[in-house]
Amino acid sequence: GARGHCPRCDGARLFAAWLRPVAQCPACAQDWRGHSADDFPPYVAILITGHVMAPVIIALGLHTTLSWPVMMGVCLTMTVTMVLGLLQPAKGAVIALQWWLGLH
């Protein structure tokens, strides 16, 4: 699921668009309409990003001579990139976990 593949067969893509899962797997015919990840993937993405970025921001503040606008730009770019990069894997993992636990 976190790789974006069908958790049941690993033979097809789980997502039709960036965050929209397919209605049915074309390889194994698993119906994915009953699985809803809701708000949990953004929480996971923000939690991971915060734990990674906090030491980076502290290190940049203590060990570099960057001006605060440059540091804000670097940190904001890194943070947005991480959150957006983690959203789809987090959603795929939540859908796979729901399927594995039978929560549909």
N, C-alpha and C. Protein backbone atom coordinates (compact mmCIF):
# COMPACT_ATOMS: atom_id res chain seq x y z
N GLY A 1 0.80 -1.21 0.00
CA GLY A 1 0.00 0.00 0.00
C GLY A 1 0.84 1.26 0.00
N ALA A 2 1.90 1.28 0.78
CA ALA A 2 2.74 2.48 0.86
C ALA A 2 3.50 2.71 -0.44
N ARG A 3 3.70 1.66 -1.22
CA ARG A 3 4.36 1.80 -2.52
C ARG A 3 3.39 2.19 -3.63
N GLY A 4 2.10 2.27 -3.30
CA GLY A 4 1.11 2.65 -4.30
C GLY A 4 0.57 1.49 -5.10
N HIS A 5 0.82 0.25 -4.63
CA HIS A 5 0.33 -0.94 -5.32
C HIS A 5 -0.82 -1.55 -4.53
N CYS A 6 -1.59 -2.36 -5.20
CA CYS A 6 -2.70 -3.06 -4.57
C CYS A 6 -2.17 -3.93 -3.42
N PRO A 7 -2.68 -3.74 -2.19
CA PRO A 7 -2.20 -4.54 -1.07
C PRO A 7 -2.54 -6.02 -1.18
N ARG A 8 -3.57 -6.35 -1.94
CA ARG A 8 -3.99 -7.74 -2.05
C ARG A 8 -3.12 -8.54 -3.00
N CYS A 9 -2.87 -7.99 -4.20
CA CYS A 9 -2.15 -8.76 -5.22
C CYS A 9 -0.81 -8.16 -5.62
N ASP A 10 -0.58 -6.90 -5.31
CA ASP A 10 0.64 -6.17 -5.69
C ASP A 10 0.83 -6.16 -7.21
N GLY A 11 -0.28 -6.31 -7.95
CA GLY A 11 -0.17 -6.39 -9.39
C GLY A 11 -0.63 -5.16 -10.14
N ALA A 12 -1.23 -4.20 -9.46
CA ALA A 12 -1.73 -3.01 -10.14
C ALA A 12 -1.58 -1.81 -9.21
N ARG A 13 -1.77 -0.64 -9.78
CA ARG A 13 -1.66 0.59 -8.99
C ARG A 13 -2.89 0.74 -8.09
N LEU A 14 -2.67 1.25 -6.90
CA LEU A 14 -3.75 1.48 -5.95
C LEU A 14 -4.43 2.82 -6.20
N PHE A 15 -3.73 3.78 -6.78
CA PHE A 15 -4.27 5.13 -6.96
C PHE A 15 -4.53 5.44 -8.43
N ALA A 16 -5.72 5.99 -8.69
CA ALA A 16 -6.07 6.43 -10.04
C ALA A 16 -5.52 7.83 -10.28
N ALA A 17 -5.49 8.64 -9.24
CA ALA A 17 -4.90 9.98 -9.27
C ALA A 17 -3.99 10.09 -8.06
N TRP A 18 -3.52 11.29 -7.76
CA TRP A 18 -2.53 11.45 -6.70
C TRP A 18 -3.00 10.89 -5.36
N LEU A 19 -4.21 11.24 -4.93
CA LEU A 19 -4.73 10.74 -3.65
C LEU A 19 -6.06 10.01 -3.79
N ARG A 20 -6.49 9.73 -5.01
CA ARG A 20 -7.77 9.06 -5.22
C ARG A 20 -7.52 7.59 -5.57
N PRO A 21 -7.93 6.68 -4.68
CA PRO A 21 -7.72 5.27 -4.98
C PRO A 21 -8.64 4.79 -6.10
N VAL A 22 -8.24 3.73 -6.77
CA VAL A 22 -9.08 3.13 -7.80
C VAL A 22 -10.30 2.52 -7.13
N ALA A 23 -11.39 2.44 -7.86
CA ALA A 23 -12.60 1.83 -7.32
C ALA A 23 -12.44 0.32 -7.19
N GLN A 24 -11.74 -0.28 -8.15
CA GLN A 24 -11.55 -1.72 -8.16
C GLN A 24 -10.20 -2.03 -8.80
N CYS A 25 -9.48 -2.97 -8.22
CA CYS A 25 -8.18 -3.36 -8.76
C CYS A 25 -8.38 -4.07 -10.10
N PRO A 26 -7.70 -3.62 -11.16
CA PRO A 26 -7.86 -4.28 -12.45
C PRO A 26 -7.23 -5.68 -12.49
N ALA A 27 -6.32 -5.98 -11.58
CA ALA A 27 -5.65 -7.29 -11.60
C ALA A 27 -6.41 -8.35 -10.80
N CYS A 28 -6.86 -8.00 -9.59
CA CYS A 28 -7.49 -9.02 -8.73
C CYS A 28 -8.96 -8.73 -8.43
N ALA A 29 -9.49 -7.63 -8.94
CA ALA A 29 -10.90 -7.23 -8.79
C ALA A 29 -11.29 -6.91 -7.34
N GLN A 30 -10.32 -6.59 -6.49
CA GLN A 30 -10.63 -6.17 -5.12
C GLN A 30 -11.32 -4.82 -5.16
N ASP A 31 -12.42 -4.69 -4.46
CA ASP A 31 -13.17 -3.44 -4.40
C ASP A 31 -12.58 -2.56 -3.31
N TRP A 32 -12.11 -1.37 -3.69
CA TRP A 32 -11.49 -0.45 -2.73
C TRP A 32 -12.41 0.69 -2.33
N ARG A 33 -13.67 0.68 -2.78
CA ARG A 33 -14.59 1.77 -2.45
C ARG A 33 -14.95 1.82 -0.98
N GLY A 34 -14.90 0.72 -0.26
CA GLY A 34 -15.27 0.69 1.14
C GLY A 34 -14.17 1.16 2.08
N HIS A 35 -12.98 1.40 1.56
CA HIS A 35 -11.85 1.80 2.40
C HIS A 35 -11.66 3.31 2.31
N SER A 36 -11.76 3.97 3.44
CA SER A 36 -11.61 5.41 3.50
C SER A 36 -10.55 5.76 4.54
N ALA A 37 -9.50 6.43 4.11
CA ALA A 37 -8.40 6.76 5.03
C ALA A 37 -8.70 8.03 5.83
N ASP A 38 -9.61 8.86 5.37
CA ASP A 38 -10.03 10.09 6.04
C ASP A 38 -8.84 11.00 6.38
N ASP A 39 -8.71 11.39 7.65
CA ASP A 39 -7.71 12.37 8.05
C ASP A 39 -6.42 11.75 8.60
N PHE A 40 -6.34 10.45 8.71
CA PHE A 40 -5.17 9.84 9.32
C PHE A 40 -3.88 10.03 8.50
N PRO A 41 -3.89 9.90 7.16
CA PRO A 41 -2.64 10.10 6.41
C PRO A 41 -2.01 11.49 6.59
N PRO A 42 -2.79 12.59 6.60
CA PRO A 42 -2.13 13.87 6.88
C PRO A 42 -1.51 13.94 8.26
N TYR A 43 -2.16 13.33 9.26
CA TYR A 43 -1.57 13.31 10.60
C TYR A 43 -0.23 12.56 10.59
N VAL A 44 -0.18 11.44 9.90
CA VAL A 44 1.06 10.67 9.81
C VAL A 44 2.14 11.48 9.10
N ALA A 45 1.77 12.10 7.97
CA ALA A 45 2.75 12.89 7.21
C ALA A 45 3.27 14.07 8.03
N ILE A 46 2.40 14.75 8.76
CA ILE A 46 2.82 15.89 9.57
C ILE A 46 3.67 15.43 10.74
N LEU A 47 3.31 14.31 11.37
CA LEU A 47 4.08 13.79 12.49
C LEU A 47 5.51 13.43 12.06
N ILE A 48 5.64 12.73 10.96
CA ILE A 48 6.97 12.35 10.47
C ILE A 48 7.77 13.58 10.06
N THR A 49 7.13 14.49 9.32
CA THR A 49 7.81 15.70 8.87
C THR A 49 8.27 16.54 10.05
N GLY A 50 7.45 16.68 11.06
CA GLY A 50 7.82 17.46 12.23
C GLY A 50 9.00 16.87 12.97
N HIS A 51 9.03 15.54 13.09
CA HIS A 51 10.14 14.91 13.80
C HIS A 51 11.44 14.95 13.00
N VAL A 52 11.34 15.01 11.69
CA VAL A 52 12.55 15.11 10.87
C VAL A 52 13.01 16.57 10.78
N MET A 53 12.07 17.48 10.62
CA MET A 53 12.43 18.87 10.39
C MET A 53 12.88 19.61 11.65
N ALA A 54 12.41 19.23 12.82
CA ALA A 54 12.79 19.94 14.04
C ALA A 54 14.31 19.95 14.24
N PRO A 55 14.99 18.80 14.17
CA PRO A 55 16.45 18.84 14.32
C PRO A 55 17.15 19.60 13.18
N VAL A 56 16.58 19.52 11.97
CA VAL A 56 17.18 20.24 10.84
C VAL A 56 17.10 21.75 11.08
N ILE A 57 15.95 22.22 11.54
CA ILE A 57 15.78 23.65 11.80
C ILE A 57 16.69 24.10 12.94
N ILE A 58 16.79 23.30 13.97
CA ILE A 58 17.68 23.65 15.08
C ILE A 58 19.13 23.69 14.62
N ALA A 59 19.55 22.71 13.85
CA ALA A 59 20.93 22.68 13.35
C ALA A 59 21.21 23.86 12.43
N LEU A 60 20.28 24.20 11.56
CA LEU A 60 20.47 25.35 10.68
C LEU A 60 20.58 26.64 11.50
N GLY A 61 19.78 26.76 12.53
CA GLY A 61 19.82 27.96 13.36
C GLY A 61 21.10 28.09 14.16
N LEU A 62 21.65 26.97 14.61
CA LEU A 62 22.84 27.01 15.46
C LEU A 62 24.15 27.02 14.69
N HIS A 63 24.19 26.36 13.54
CA HIS A 63 25.47 26.12 12.89
C HIS A 63 25.64 26.80 11.53
N THR A 64 24.74 27.67 11.14
CA THR A 64 24.90 28.38 9.88
C THR A 64 24.75 29.87 10.11
N THR A 65 25.16 30.63 9.15
CA THR A 65 25.02 32.08 9.23
C THR A 65 23.99 32.59 8.23
N LEU A 66 23.01 31.75 7.94
CA LEU A 66 21.96 32.16 7.01
C LEU A 66 21.09 33.24 7.64
N SER A 67 20.64 34.17 6.82
CA SER A 67 19.70 35.17 7.33
C SER A 67 18.36 34.48 7.56
N TRP A 68 17.51 35.06 8.39
CA TRP A 68 16.25 34.38 8.72
C TRP A 68 15.32 34.25 7.52
N PRO A 69 15.27 35.19 6.55
CA PRO A 69 14.40 34.94 5.39
C PRO A 69 14.89 33.76 4.54
N VAL A 70 16.19 33.61 4.40
CA VAL A 70 16.73 32.49 3.62
C VAL A 70 16.45 31.18 4.35
N MET A 71 16.68 31.17 5.67
CA MET A 71 16.42 29.96 6.44
C MET A 71 14.94 29.59 6.40
N MET A 72 14.06 30.57 6.49
CA MET A 72 12.62 30.30 6.41
C MET A 72 12.27 29.72 5.04
N GLY A 73 12.85 30.27 3.99
CA GLY A 73 12.58 29.75 2.65
C GLY A 73 13.05 28.32 2.47
N VAL A 74 14.24 28.01 2.97
CA VAL A 74 14.78 26.65 2.88
C VAL A 74 13.92 25.69 3.68
N CYS A 75 13.59 26.06 4.92
CA CYS A 75 12.81 25.19 5.79
C CYS A 75 11.39 25.00 5.26
N LEU A 76 10.78 26.04 4.77
CA LEU A 76 9.43 25.94 4.23
C LEU A 76 9.40 25.04 3.00
N THR A 77 10.38 25.20 2.12
CA THR A 77 10.45 24.35 0.93
C THR A 77 10.64 22.88 1.30
N MET A 78 11.54 22.61 2.24
CA MET A 78 11.77 21.23 2.67
C MET A 78 10.53 20.64 3.33
N THR A 79 9.86 21.42 4.15
CA THR A 79 8.68 20.94 4.87
C THR A 79 7.54 20.61 3.91
N VAL A 80 7.24 21.52 3.00
CA VAL A 80 6.15 21.29 2.05
C VAL A 80 6.46 20.09 1.16
N THR A 81 7.71 19.97 0.73
CA THR A 81 8.10 18.83 -0.11
C THR A 81 7.93 17.51 0.64
N MET A 82 8.35 17.49 1.91
CA MET A 82 8.21 16.25 2.69
C MET A 82 6.75 15.87 2.93
N VAL A 83 5.93 16.85 3.31
CA VAL A 83 4.52 16.55 3.58
C VAL A 83 3.83 16.03 2.33
N LEU A 84 4.03 16.72 1.21
CA LEU A 84 3.39 16.29 -0.03
C LEU A 84 3.93 14.94 -0.51
N GLY A 85 5.21 14.68 -0.27
CA GLY A 85 5.80 13.41 -0.67
C GLY A 85 5.34 12.24 0.20
N LEU A 86 4.95 12.52 1.43
CA LEU A 86 4.52 11.46 2.34
C LEU A 86 3.02 11.19 2.31
N LEU A 87 2.24 12.07 1.74
CA LEU A 87 0.78 11.90 1.78
C LEU A 87 0.30 10.63 1.07
N GLN A 88 0.74 10.41 -0.16
CA GLN A 88 0.27 9.23 -0.88
C GLN A 88 0.76 7.92 -0.26
N PRO A 89 2.04 7.80 0.12
CA PRO A 89 2.44 6.55 0.80
C PRO A 89 1.69 6.33 2.12
N ALA A 90 1.43 7.40 2.86
CA ALA A 90 0.68 7.25 4.11
C ALA A 90 -0.75 6.79 3.84
N LYS A 91 -1.37 7.35 2.82
CA LYS A 91 -2.74 6.94 2.49
C LYS A 91 -2.78 5.49 2.01
N GLY A 92 -1.81 5.10 1.19
CA GLY A 92 -1.75 3.71 0.74
C GLY A 92 -1.53 2.75 1.90
N ALA A 93 -0.68 3.14 2.85
CA ALA A 93 -0.43 2.29 4.02
C ALA A 93 -1.67 2.17 4.89
N VAL A 94 -2.42 3.25 5.06
CA VAL A 94 -3.64 3.21 5.87
C VAL A 94 -4.69 2.32 5.19
N ILE A 95 -4.84 2.45 3.88
CA ILE A 95 -5.79 1.60 3.16
C ILE A 95 -5.38 0.14 3.26
N ALA A 96 -4.08 -0.14 3.11
CA ALA A 96 -3.59 -1.53 3.24
C ALA A 96 -3.83 -2.07 4.65
N LEU A 97 -3.61 -1.24 5.66
CA LEU A 97 -3.86 -1.67 7.04
C LEU A 97 -5.35 -1.94 7.28
N GLN A 98 -6.21 -1.09 6.74
CA GLN A 98 -7.65 -1.33 6.86
C GLN A 98 -8.03 -2.65 6.20
N TRP A 99 -7.49 -2.89 5.01
CA TRP A 99 -7.82 -4.14 4.31
C TRP A 99 -7.30 -5.34 5.09
N TRP A 100 -6.07 -5.25 5.60
CA TRP A 100 -5.46 -6.36 6.32
C TRP A 100 -6.24 -6.68 7.59
N LEU A 101 -6.75 -5.65 8.28
CA LEU A 101 -7.50 -5.85 9.52
C LEU A 101 -8.98 -6.15 9.27
N GLY A 102 -9.40 -6.09 8.01
CA GLY A 102 -10.81 -6.37 7.68
C GLY A 102 -11.75 -5.23 8.03
N LEU A 103 -11.27 -4.00 8.06
CA LEU A 103 -12.07 -2.84 8.43
C LEU A 103 -12.68 -2.21 7.18
N HIS A 104 -13.67 -2.83 6.61
CA HIS A 104 -14.35 -2.26 5.44
C HIS A 104 -15.81 -2.61 5.44
